[in-house]
Structures are given as structure tokens and as C-alpha cells.
Amino acid sequence: HPPKPISHQELRDEIIRALDIKSQKYGKSLCSTLDALVYVGLPNRFLDIRSPVPGYEELINHGWRSVSFVIPPCSHVAFCEEIGPQFLASLSGQTKQEWKDPDGFFDL
């Protein structure tokens, strides 16, 4: 089967589900000291970098200091609080990719 794109919105929903479990385990006060980095490994899926980037209010409400994700070949810093690492704060809300032409990810 050819790979299918996943939108930022769909991916955000998956990340919220995963981190919701962690935030319940750790609690808001501990989450406020943690930077969450989520590696996304969905078979036959790739990030549609052209899709709109949604807000991450639910994760902010969990208390995380920052949340970022990697879905090769892309990475995205969802948000970073003021007390978070400066290098993440400077990239907050940005998607980065090594391969500049998303149509060239796969040889079909």
C-alpha cells in the first residue's frame, strides 16, 4: 500500500491521547519540569506538512514545560513555556524537515 499523509490535526490528537496517560501518571507539578519528546512511528504514514497546524491548548493544560514530536523526516516544536529551553522556545510552532520536497519522500 502506498504511504498516506497524516495531518497536523490528526497527529495532534494522537499525541494528546498518548501524553494524557503520562500527565495523569506524573501530575501537573512534575509535568511542569518535563520536556516531552514524542517519536511517531506510524507504518505507511507521513506528516502532511502543508496541513494547518492546530493549537496545543490541551497539552499546555497538562502542564508540560514543552512538547515536541518527531515523525521522520520532520520534527515540530508544539510549544515551549518561558521556563523551557531557549533553543526549543526559538522553534516553538515550527515544523522542520530534512527533505525539502515532500512529494519526493517516496519513489512510487
N, C-alpha and C. Protein backbone atom coordinates (compact mmCIF):
# COMPACT_ATOMS: atom_id res chain seq x y z
N HIS A 1 0.84 -1.18 0.00
CA HIS A 1 0.00 0.00 0.00
C HIS A 1 0.88 1.24 0.00
N PRO A 2 0.55 2.22 -0.82
CA PRO A 2 1.33 3.46 -0.81
C PRO A 2 1.13 4.20 0.52
N PRO A 3 2.14 4.92 0.98
CA PRO A 3 2.02 5.69 2.21
C PRO A 3 0.95 6.76 2.10
N LYS A 4 0.32 7.08 3.24
CA LYS A 4 -0.73 8.10 3.28
C LYS A 4 -0.29 9.24 4.19
N PRO A 5 -0.70 10.45 3.84
CA PRO A 5 -0.36 11.58 4.72
C PRO A 5 -1.22 11.57 5.99
N ILE A 6 -0.68 12.11 7.05
CA ILE A 6 -1.44 12.36 8.27
C ILE A 6 -1.35 13.86 8.53
N SER A 7 -2.47 14.48 8.80
CA SER A 7 -2.49 15.93 9.01
C SER A 7 -1.95 16.28 10.40
N HIS A 8 -1.56 17.53 10.55
CA HIS A 8 -1.13 18.01 11.87
C HIS A 8 -2.23 17.78 12.90
N GLN A 9 -3.49 18.00 12.50
CA GLN A 9 -4.63 17.83 13.42
C GLN A 9 -4.74 16.37 13.89
N GLU A 10 -4.70 15.42 12.96
CA GLU A 10 -4.79 14.01 13.33
C GLU A 10 -3.63 13.61 14.23
N LEU A 11 -2.45 14.08 13.89
CA LEU A 11 -1.26 13.76 14.67
C LEU A 11 -1.35 14.38 16.07
N ARG A 12 -1.82 15.60 16.14
CA ARG A 12 -2.02 16.27 17.44
C ARG A 12 -2.94 15.44 18.33
N ASP A 13 -4.03 14.94 17.76
CA ASP A 13 -4.98 14.14 18.53
C ASP A 13 -4.32 12.87 19.08
N GLU A 14 -3.48 12.23 18.28
CA GLU A 14 -2.75 11.04 18.73
C GLU A 14 -1.77 11.39 19.84
N ILE A 15 -1.07 12.49 19.69
CA ILE A 15 -0.09 12.91 20.70
C ILE A 15 -0.80 13.26 22.01
N ILE A 16 -1.94 13.93 21.91
CA ILE A 16 -2.70 14.26 23.12
C ILE A 16 -3.12 12.99 23.84
N ARG A 17 -3.60 11.99 23.10
CA ARG A 17 -4.01 10.72 23.73
C ARG A 17 -2.83 10.08 24.47
N ALA A 18 -1.69 10.06 23.82
CA ALA A 18 -0.51 9.43 24.42
C ALA A 18 -0.02 10.20 25.64
N LEU A 19 0.05 11.51 25.54
CA LEU A 19 0.58 12.29 26.66
C LEU A 19 -0.43 12.48 27.77
N ASP A 20 -1.71 12.32 27.48
CA ASP A 20 -2.72 12.39 28.52
C ASP A 20 -2.49 11.30 29.57
N ILE A 21 -2.14 10.11 29.11
CA ILE A 21 -1.84 8.99 30.02
C ILE A 21 -0.65 9.34 30.90
N LYS A 22 0.39 9.89 30.31
CA LYS A 22 1.60 10.26 31.06
C LYS A 22 1.30 11.38 32.05
N SER A 23 0.55 12.38 31.62
CA SER A 23 0.29 13.51 32.51
C SER A 23 -0.54 13.09 33.72
N GLN A 24 -1.44 12.14 33.53
CA GLN A 24 -2.22 11.64 34.66
C GLN A 24 -1.32 10.90 35.65
N LYS A 25 -0.34 10.19 35.11
CA LYS A 25 0.60 9.44 35.96
C LYS A 25 1.52 10.38 36.73
N TYR A 26 2.06 11.41 36.05
CA TYR A 26 3.05 12.29 36.66
C TYR A 26 2.44 13.44 37.46
N GLY A 27 1.29 13.92 37.03
CA GLY A 27 0.69 15.09 37.68
C GLY A 27 1.23 16.38 37.10
N LYS A 28 0.45 17.43 37.27
CA LYS A 28 0.77 18.72 36.67
C LYS A 28 2.08 19.31 37.21
N SER A 29 2.34 19.15 38.49
CA SER A 29 3.55 19.78 39.05
C SER A 29 4.82 19.13 38.51
N LEU A 30 4.83 17.81 38.32
CA LEU A 30 6.00 17.16 37.76
C LEU A 30 6.11 17.44 36.25
N CYS A 31 4.97 17.43 35.56
CA CYS A 31 4.98 17.73 34.12
C CYS A 31 5.58 19.11 33.84
N SER A 32 5.38 20.04 34.77
CA SER A 32 5.88 21.40 34.56
C SER A 32 7.40 21.46 34.55
N THR A 33 8.06 20.37 34.95
CA THR A 33 9.52 20.31 34.92
C THR A 33 10.04 19.45 33.76
N LEU A 34 9.12 18.93 32.95
CA LEU A 34 9.48 17.98 31.91
C LEU A 34 9.24 18.53 30.50
N ASP A 35 10.16 18.16 29.61
CA ASP A 35 10.01 18.44 28.19
C ASP A 35 9.66 17.13 27.50
N ALA A 36 8.46 17.05 26.94
CA ALA A 36 8.02 15.82 26.29
C ALA A 36 8.48 15.80 24.84
N LEU A 37 9.14 14.72 24.47
CA LEU A 37 9.55 14.50 23.08
C LEU A 37 8.88 13.20 22.64
N VAL A 38 8.03 13.29 21.64
CA VAL A 38 7.26 12.15 21.17
C VAL A 38 7.82 11.71 19.82
N TYR A 39 8.22 10.44 19.74
CA TYR A 39 8.64 9.86 18.46
C TYR A 39 7.41 9.17 17.87
N VAL A 40 7.06 9.53 16.64
CA VAL A 40 5.88 8.98 15.98
C VAL A 40 6.34 7.99 14.92
N GLY A 41 5.96 6.75 15.08
CA GLY A 41 6.29 5.72 14.11
C GLY A 41 5.03 5.03 13.63
N LEU A 42 4.32 5.67 12.72
CA LEU A 42 3.09 5.10 12.17
C LEU A 42 3.40 4.48 10.82
N PRO A 43 3.20 3.16 10.69
CA PRO A 43 3.51 2.50 9.42
C PRO A 43 2.74 3.11 8.25
N ASN A 44 3.45 3.33 7.17
CA ASN A 44 2.86 3.86 5.93
C ASN A 44 2.19 5.22 6.10
N ARG A 45 2.65 6.02 7.06
CA ARG A 45 2.11 7.37 7.25
C ARG A 45 3.26 8.37 7.25
N PHE A 46 2.99 9.56 6.75
CA PHE A 46 3.95 10.65 6.80
C PHE A 46 3.20 11.95 7.06
N LEU A 47 3.87 12.90 7.66
CA LEU A 47 3.25 14.17 8.01
C LEU A 47 2.98 15.01 6.78
N ASP A 48 1.74 15.46 6.65
CA ASP A 48 1.38 16.40 5.59
C ASP A 48 1.77 17.79 6.08
N ILE A 49 2.95 18.22 5.70
CA ILE A 49 3.47 19.49 6.21
C ILE A 49 2.67 20.69 5.69
N ARG A 50 1.83 20.47 4.71
CA ARG A 50 1.01 21.56 4.17
C ARG A 50 -0.30 21.72 4.93
N SER A 51 -0.61 20.80 5.82
CA SER A 51 -1.85 20.89 6.59
C SER A 51 -1.74 21.97 7.66
N PRO A 52 -2.88 22.57 8.04
CA PRO A 52 -2.85 23.61 9.07
C PRO A 52 -2.35 23.06 10.41
N VAL A 53 -1.59 23.88 11.11
CA VAL A 53 -1.07 23.48 12.42
C VAL A 53 -2.07 23.94 13.49
N PRO A 54 -2.62 23.00 14.25
CA PRO A 54 -3.61 23.36 15.27
C PRO A 54 -2.94 23.86 16.54
N GLY A 55 -3.75 24.31 17.48
CA GLY A 55 -3.25 24.70 18.78
C GLY A 55 -3.04 23.47 19.67
N TYR A 56 -2.27 23.64 20.69
CA TYR A 56 -1.96 22.54 21.61
C TYR A 56 -2.38 22.89 23.03
N GLU A 57 -3.53 23.56 23.17
CA GLU A 57 -4.00 24.01 24.48
C GLU A 57 -4.15 22.86 25.48
N GLU A 58 -4.63 21.71 25.02
CA GLU A 58 -4.82 20.57 25.93
C GLU A 58 -3.50 20.16 26.58
N LEU A 59 -2.44 20.15 25.78
CA LEU A 59 -1.13 19.77 26.32
C LEU A 59 -0.57 20.85 27.23
N ILE A 60 -0.82 22.10 26.90
CA ILE A 60 -0.41 23.19 27.78
C ILE A 60 -1.12 23.04 29.13
N ASN A 61 -2.41 22.69 29.09
CA ASN A 61 -3.17 22.50 30.32
C ASN A 61 -2.67 21.31 31.14
N HIS A 62 -2.04 20.33 30.50
CA HIS A 62 -1.44 19.22 31.24
C HIS A 62 -0.29 19.71 32.11
N GLY A 63 0.33 20.82 31.71
CA GLY A 63 1.41 21.38 32.49
C GLY A 63 2.80 21.15 31.94
N TRP A 64 2.93 20.46 30.79
CA TRP A 64 4.26 20.19 30.25
C TRP A 64 5.04 21.48 30.06
N ARG A 65 6.35 21.42 30.29
CA ARG A 65 7.22 22.58 30.05
C ARG A 65 7.34 22.84 28.55
N SER A 66 7.44 21.76 27.79
CA SER A 66 7.43 21.86 26.33
C SER A 66 7.00 20.51 25.76
N VAL A 67 6.50 20.55 24.53
CA VAL A 67 6.15 19.32 23.81
C VAL A 67 6.66 19.46 22.39
N SER A 68 7.40 18.44 21.96
CA SER A 68 7.91 18.36 20.59
C SER A 68 7.64 16.96 20.07
N PHE A 69 7.62 16.82 18.75
CA PHE A 69 7.49 15.48 18.19
C PHE A 69 8.38 15.33 16.96
N VAL A 70 8.71 14.07 16.69
CA VAL A 70 9.49 13.70 15.52
C VAL A 70 8.70 12.65 14.77
N ILE A 71 8.47 12.90 13.50
CA ILE A 71 7.88 11.91 12.60
C ILE A 71 8.74 12.00 11.34
N PRO A 72 9.73 11.12 11.24
CA PRO A 72 10.74 11.25 10.18
C PRO A 72 10.11 11.48 8.81
N PRO A 73 10.63 12.42 8.05
CA PRO A 73 11.84 13.20 8.26
C PRO A 73 11.58 14.57 8.90
N CYS A 74 10.47 14.73 9.61
CA CYS A 74 10.09 16.03 10.17
C CYS A 74 10.17 16.05 11.69
N SER A 75 10.31 17.25 12.20
CA SER A 75 10.19 17.48 13.64
C SER A 75 9.38 18.75 13.83
N HIS A 76 8.75 18.87 15.00
CA HIS A 76 7.90 20.02 15.27
C HIS A 76 7.93 20.32 16.76
N VAL A 77 8.12 21.58 17.11
CA VAL A 77 8.01 22.02 18.50
C VAL A 77 6.60 22.58 18.65
N ALA A 78 5.75 21.84 19.36
CA ALA A 78 4.35 22.24 19.52
C ALA A 78 4.26 23.53 20.32
N PHE A 79 4.98 23.57 21.44
CA PHE A 79 5.05 24.78 22.26
C PHE A 79 6.18 24.63 23.26
N CYS A 80 6.58 25.75 23.82
CA CYS A 80 7.60 25.77 24.86
C CYS A 80 7.28 26.93 25.80
N GLU A 81 7.14 26.62 27.07
CA GLU A 81 6.87 27.66 28.06
C GLU A 81 8.11 28.53 28.26
N GLU A 82 7.94 29.69 28.87
CA GLU A 82 9.05 30.62 29.09
C GLU A 82 10.20 29.98 29.86
N ILE A 83 9.88 29.08 30.78
CA ILE A 83 10.93 28.46 31.60
C ILE A 83 11.61 27.30 30.88
N GLY A 84 11.15 26.98 29.68
CA GLY A 84 11.72 25.88 28.91
C GLY A 84 13.04 26.27 28.27
N PRO A 85 13.70 25.29 27.65
CA PRO A 85 14.97 25.54 26.98
C PRO A 85 14.83 26.59 25.87
N GLN A 86 15.76 27.51 25.82
CA GLN A 86 15.71 28.60 24.84
C GLN A 86 15.72 28.08 23.40
N PHE A 87 16.51 27.02 23.14
CA PHE A 87 16.57 26.52 21.76
C PHE A 87 15.22 25.97 21.31
N LEU A 88 14.41 25.44 22.25
CA LEU A 88 13.07 24.98 21.89
C LEU A 88 12.12 26.16 21.74
N ALA A 89 12.25 27.12 22.65
CA ALA A 89 11.39 28.30 22.58
C ALA A 89 11.56 29.03 21.24
N SER A 90 12.79 29.07 20.75
CA SER A 90 13.04 29.76 19.48
C SER A 90 12.43 29.03 18.28
N LEU A 91 12.09 27.75 18.46
CA LEU A 91 11.49 26.96 17.37
C LEU A 91 10.01 26.66 17.60
N SER A 92 9.45 27.21 18.65
CA SER A 92 8.06 26.92 19.02
C SER A 92 7.10 27.20 17.85
N GLY A 93 6.27 26.20 17.57
CA GLY A 93 5.29 26.32 16.49
C GLY A 93 5.83 26.04 15.10
N GLN A 94 7.09 25.65 15.00
CA GLN A 94 7.71 25.43 13.70
C GLN A 94 7.89 23.95 13.38
N THR A 95 7.67 23.62 12.11
CA THR A 95 7.96 22.28 11.62
C THR A 95 9.24 22.37 10.79
N LYS A 96 10.17 21.48 11.09
CA LYS A 96 11.42 21.42 10.34
C LYS A 96 11.47 20.08 9.61
N GLN A 97 12.14 20.08 8.47
CA GLN A 97 12.29 18.83 7.73
C GLN A 97 13.63 18.81 7.02
N GLU A 98 14.17 17.62 6.91
CA GLU A 98 15.43 17.47 6.21
C GLU A 98 15.21 17.42 4.70
N TRP A 99 14.12 16.83 4.28
CA TRP A 99 13.81 16.69 2.86
C TRP A 99 12.87 17.82 2.49
N LYS A 100 13.32 18.73 1.67
CA LYS A 100 12.55 19.94 1.38
C LYS A 100 11.37 19.74 0.44
N ASP A 101 11.34 18.63 -0.30
CA ASP A 101 10.25 18.38 -1.25
C ASP A 101 9.43 17.19 -0.78
N PRO A 102 8.29 17.44 -0.09
CA PRO A 102 7.51 16.32 0.45
C PRO A 102 7.00 15.36 -0.62
N ASP A 103 6.86 15.82 -1.86
CA ASP A 103 6.41 14.92 -2.92
C ASP A 103 7.50 13.93 -3.31
N GLY A 104 8.73 14.17 -2.85
CA GLY A 104 9.83 13.28 -3.17
C GLY A 104 10.18 12.30 -2.06
N PHE A 105 9.34 12.21 -1.02
CA PHE A 105 9.60 11.28 0.09
C PHE A 105 9.65 9.84 -0.40
N PHE A 106 8.79 9.52 -1.35
CA PHE A 106 8.63 8.13 -1.75
C PHE A 106 8.74 8.01 -3.26
N ASP A 107 9.37 6.95 -3.67
CA ASP A 107 9.50 6.67 -5.08
C ASP A 107 8.38 5.71 -5.45
N LEU A 108 7.32 6.23 -6.09
CA LEU A 108 6.14 5.41 -6.39
C LEU A 108 6.19 4.89 -7.80
